[in-house]
Protein backbone atom coordinates (compact mmCIF):
# COMPACT_ATOMS: atom_id res chain seq x y z
CA MET A 1 75.34 136.50 -19.96
CA LYS A 2 78.04 139.12 -19.65
CA PRO A 3 81.06 138.35 -17.70
CA PHE A 4 81.41 139.42 -14.09
CA ARG A 5 83.93 142.23 -13.25
CA LEU A 6 86.62 140.97 -11.13
CA LEU A 7 87.72 142.94 -8.04
CA VAL A 8 90.74 141.96 -6.23
CA ASP A 9 91.55 143.02 -2.63
CA TYR A 10 94.82 144.86 -2.42
CA ASN A 11 96.51 142.49 -0.21
CA VAL A 12 95.77 139.79 -2.90
CA PHE A 13 97.33 141.99 -5.51
CA GLN A 14 100.70 142.34 -3.35
CA PHE A 15 100.69 138.77 -2.71
CA ILE A 16 100.54 137.92 -6.44
CA GLN A 17 103.42 140.24 -7.05
CA THR A 18 105.71 138.33 -4.78
CA LEU A 19 105.10 134.95 -6.83
CA ARG A 20 107.17 133.62 -9.61
CA ARG A 21 106.00 134.39 -13.18
CA PHE A 22 104.64 130.95 -13.73
CA GLU A 23 102.52 131.09 -10.42
CA GLN A 24 101.20 134.54 -11.40
CA LEU A 25 100.11 133.01 -14.65
CA GLU A 26 98.40 130.30 -12.99
CA ILE A 27 96.39 132.79 -10.78
CA HIS A 28 95.57 134.72 -13.83
CA GLU A 29 94.24 131.81 -15.65
CA HIS A 30 92.06 131.09 -12.52
CA PHE A 31 90.73 134.60 -12.56
CA ASP A 32 89.82 134.49 -16.32
CA GLN A 33 87.76 131.48 -15.73
CA SER A 34 86.16 132.93 -12.43
CA ASN A 35 85.28 136.11 -14.51
CA GLU A 36 83.36 133.94 -16.96
CA PHE A 37 81.84 131.29 -14.65
CA PRO A 38 82.37 132.24 -11.07
CA HIS A 39 79.69 129.54 -9.76
CA HIS A 40 81.52 126.76 -11.39
CA GLN A 41 84.84 127.56 -9.70
CA LYS A 42 83.99 126.92 -6.29
CA SER A 43 85.33 124.02 -4.33
CA LEU A 44 84.04 124.74 -0.70
CA ILE A 45 81.80 127.17 0.64
CA GLU A 46 82.24 129.10 3.99
CA LYS A 47 79.76 131.44 5.82
CA ASP A 48 80.77 134.33 7.77
CA ALA A 49 78.80 135.52 11.07
CA THR A 50 76.17 137.47 8.87
CA GLY A 51 75.48 134.30 6.69
CA ARG A 52 77.13 135.67 3.69
CA ASP A 53 78.53 132.71 1.54
CA TYR A 54 82.30 132.89 0.82
CA PHE A 55 83.63 130.65 -1.92
CA VAL A 56 86.94 128.98 -1.87
CA SER A 57 88.40 127.52 -5.06
CA LEU A 58 91.25 124.95 -4.62
CA ARG A 59 93.02 124.79 -8.01
CA GLY A 60 96.64 123.99 -8.63
CA THR A 61 98.83 125.42 -5.85
CA PHE A 62 96.43 128.04 -4.67
CA ALA A 63 93.12 128.59 -2.59
CA VAL A 64 91.39 131.47 -3.62
CA LYS A 65 88.64 133.00 -1.59
CA TYR A 66 85.86 135.15 -3.07
CA TRP A 67 82.27 136.09 -2.88
CA ILE A 68 79.95 136.82 -5.71
CA ASP A 69 78.03 140.06 -5.79
CA GLU A 70 75.09 139.05 -8.12
CA TRP A 71 73.34 142.51 -7.80
CA GLU A 72 76.64 144.43 -9.17
CA CYS A 73 77.94 141.32 -11.43
CA GLU A 74 81.30 141.24 -9.64
CA VAL A 75 83.40 138.43 -8.10
CA LYS A 76 85.15 140.03 -5.30
CA VAL A 77 88.43 138.32 -4.44
CA ILE A 78 89.19 138.76 -0.79
CA ALA A 79 92.09 136.12 -0.09
CA ILE A 80 94.60 133.94 -1.47
CA ARG A 81 96.98 131.60 0.08
CA LEU A 82 99.08 128.45 -0.97
CA ARG A 83 96.82 125.30 -0.97
CA ASP A 84 97.14 122.84 1.67
CA HIS A 85 97.38 119.45 0.17
CA ARG A 86 97.25 117.39 3.19
CA LYS A 87 94.34 114.95 3.73
């Protein structure tokens, strides 16, 4: 199976640039794994008004929201934020 192409929203890109180097590396590692196995990375599934599945991966310090475009073989990262660790 060929890896998925990773597309990152410009706002996500800008957010990553504000982070410390070790945080950037954490996200890059996450992106590398999402690129190879996007279905294995999801922790939560959210649906939008149209019924599209958005996956949220909770890993380390961050929550990454994305959707998988199977037709185009792309992982589309639409948001990233600091993870809320409260229970």
